[in-house]
Amino acid sequence: MDRNIPEFFYTVDLGPHFGPKLERLAEWRCCDDREELAAILLQHAIEQAEMRMKADLFDTLEPELHVQLFGGDIGGDIDDEIPF
């Protein structure tokens, strides 16, 4: 094992509400490895949460910081000849 790559391992208690849901999803997907399915679902949820976090950050940037990070003006006049 490469010692430079951090390993992330979590034990998660899904509780009486989400545990049965995971079991139903696993049966539906014919998946015997519940831990692998839970990890895949959690990875997707983390990706979606991170995208929402980045969108929230983008929405709250001060105009000057937005220009520093992304260049150009916010809004502004776009001359793309679209009539609206």
Protein backbone atom coordinates (compact mmCIF):
# COMPACT_ATOMS: atom_id res chain seq x y z
CA MET A 1 0.00 0.00 0.00
CA ASP A 2 1.27 3.47 -0.91
CA ARG A 3 1.84 5.35 2.33
CA ASN A 4 1.29 8.74 0.62
CA ILE A 5 -2.38 8.02 -0.11
CA PRO A 6 -4.62 8.68 2.90
CA GLU A 7 -7.17 6.00 3.67
CA PHE A 8 -10.66 7.02 4.69
CA PHE A 9 -12.76 4.38 6.40
CA TYR A 10 -15.95 5.21 8.27
CA THR A 11 -18.37 3.07 10.22
CA VAL A 12 -21.83 4.53 9.83
CA ASP A 13 -24.99 3.66 11.78
CA LEU A 14 -27.89 4.16 9.37
CA GLY A 15 -30.43 3.70 12.12
CA PRO A 16 -33.95 2.27 11.95
CA HIS A 17 -35.09 4.66 9.22
CA PHE A 18 -32.32 4.43 6.61
CA GLY A 19 -31.08 0.90 7.36
CA PRO A 20 -34.23 -0.74 5.98
CA LYS A 21 -34.17 1.63 3.00
CA LEU A 22 -30.63 0.49 2.18
CA GLU A 23 -31.77 -3.12 2.48
CA ARG A 24 -34.65 -2.53 0.04
CA LEU A 25 -32.34 -0.77 -2.42
CA ALA A 26 -29.83 -3.59 -2.18
CA GLU A 27 -32.55 -6.18 -2.85
CA TRP A 28 -33.83 -4.14 -5.78
CA ARG A 29 -30.30 -3.90 -7.25
CA CYS A 30 -29.54 -7.58 -6.42
CA CYS A 31 -26.53 -6.35 -4.44
CA ASP A 32 -25.10 -8.67 -1.80
CA ASP A 33 -22.47 -6.21 -0.55
CA ARG A 34 -24.46 -3.69 1.50
CA GLU A 35 -21.34 -1.82 2.57
CA GLU A 36 -20.25 -1.27 -1.02
CA LEU A 37 -23.72 -0.04 -2.00
CA ALA A 38 -23.82 2.29 1.01
CA ALA A 39 -20.39 3.68 0.06
CA ILE A 40 -21.49 4.30 -3.54
CA LEU A 41 -24.68 6.05 -2.41
CA LEU A 42 -22.75 8.15 0.10
CA GLN A 43 -20.18 9.13 -2.54
CA HIS A 44 -22.96 10.37 -4.83
CA ALA A 45 -24.59 12.29 -1.97
CA ILE A 46 -21.25 13.91 -1.09
CA GLU A 47 -20.73 14.98 -4.72
CA GLN A 48 -24.20 16.55 -4.84
CA ALA A 49 -23.71 18.30 -1.50
CA GLU A 50 -20.35 19.66 -2.63
CA MET A 51 -21.92 21.02 -5.84
CA ARG A 52 -24.60 22.77 -3.76
CA MET A 53 -21.92 24.16 -1.44
CA LYS A 54 -19.95 25.54 -4.40
CA ALA A 55 -23.12 27.05 -5.89
CA ASP A 56 -23.90 28.73 -2.56
CA LEU A 57 -20.34 30.08 -2.39
CA PHE A 58 -20.62 31.37 -5.96
CA ASP A 59 -23.92 33.12 -5.13
CA THR A 60 -22.46 34.85 -2.06
CA LEU A 61 -19.21 36.14 -3.56
CA GLU A 62 -18.69 39.86 -3.31
CA PRO A 63 -18.47 41.44 -6.78
CA GLU A 64 -14.79 42.38 -6.34
CA LEU A 65 -13.85 38.86 -5.24
CA HIS A 66 -15.84 37.37 -8.12
CA VAL A 67 -13.85 39.51 -10.58
CA GLN A 68 -10.57 38.46 -8.92
CA LEU A 69 -11.42 34.77 -9.02
CA PHE A 70 -13.22 34.50 -12.34
CA GLY A 71 -12.36 37.70 -14.23
CA GLY A 72 -14.82 39.92 -16.06
CA ASP A 73 -17.82 41.65 -14.65
CA ILE A 74 -20.84 40.15 -12.97
CA GLY A 75 -23.86 40.52 -15.19
CA GLY A 76 -22.73 43.20 -17.56
CA ASP A 77 -23.85 43.63 -21.10
CA ILE A 78 -23.33 40.58 -23.28
CA ASP A 79 -23.32 41.46 -26.96
CA ASP A 80 -24.29 38.07 -28.36
CA GLU A 81 -27.10 39.39 -30.54
CA ILE A 82 -29.74 37.30 -28.77
CA PRO A 83 -32.90 39.45 -28.76
CA PHE A 84 -33.76 39.25 -25.05
